[in-house]
Amino acid sequence: MADIVFMALHGENGENGKLQAAFDLLGVKYTGSDYLSSAIAMNKGMAKQLF
């Protein structure tokens, strides 16, 4: 098992938070935003309301 995963993904499947959530469930450390931040950022309408 890796000590840490370097997140270098682009596009919906790499940026929507699903992979980050899976890593969290497995206890894997990773770089970048957490799953909730990633999911909100992919929903532009919600992101505009929050920021």
Protein backbone atom coordinates (compact mmCIF):
# COMPACT_ATOMS: atom_id res chain seq x y z
CA MET A 1 0.00 0.00 0.00
CA ALA A 2 1.24 3.49 -0.81
CA ASP A 3 2.09 5.97 1.95
CA ILE A 4 0.22 8.73 0.08
CA VAL A 5 -1.57 9.06 -3.25
CA PHE A 6 -0.68 12.03 -5.44
CA MET A 7 -3.95 13.13 -7.05
CA ALA A 8 -3.30 14.19 -10.65
CA LEU A 9 -6.68 13.60 -12.26
CA HIS A 10 -8.81 15.77 -14.53
CA GLY A 11 -12.44 15.58 -15.52
CA GLU A 12 -15.66 14.63 -13.78
CA ASN A 13 -14.60 11.15 -12.69
CA GLY A 14 -11.37 12.45 -11.23
CA GLU A 15 -12.66 15.62 -9.64
CA ASN A 16 -16.14 14.84 -8.33
CA GLY A 17 -15.03 13.57 -4.92
CA LYS A 18 -15.88 9.89 -5.39
CA LEU A 19 -12.27 8.76 -5.44
CA GLN A 20 -11.43 10.94 -2.44
CA ALA A 21 -14.38 9.45 -0.53
CA ALA A 22 -13.16 5.94 -1.33
CA PHE A 23 -9.67 6.82 -0.11
CA ASP A 24 -11.17 8.25 3.10
CA LEU A 25 -13.12 5.03 3.70
CA LEU A 26 -9.96 2.99 3.17
CA GLY A 27 -7.82 5.28 5.33
CA VAL A 28 -5.53 6.23 2.44
CA LYS A 29 -3.83 9.64 2.60
CA TYR A 30 -3.98 11.74 -0.57
CA THR A 31 -3.09 15.20 -1.85
CA GLY A 32 -5.64 17.82 -2.81
CA SER A 33 -9.13 18.66 -1.62
CA ASP A 34 -11.35 16.38 0.43
CA TYR A 35 -14.39 14.68 -1.08
CA LEU A 36 -16.95 17.30 0.02
CA SER A 37 -14.95 20.23 -1.35
CA SER A 38 -14.45 18.41 -4.64
CA ALA A 39 -18.13 17.52 -4.96
CA ILE A 40 -19.22 21.10 -4.27
CA ALA A 41 -16.71 22.48 -6.77
CA MET A 42 -18.12 20.18 -9.49
CA ASN A 43 -21.62 21.56 -8.84
CA LYS A 44 -21.15 25.09 -10.20
CA GLY A 45 -24.58 26.29 -9.08
CA MET A 46 -23.99 25.22 -5.49
CA ALA A 47 -20.44 26.59 -5.51
CA LYS A 48 -21.70 30.00 -6.67
CA GLN A 49 -24.26 30.06 -3.84
CA LEU A 50 -21.64 29.19 -1.23
CA PHE A 51 -18.85 31.42 -2.52
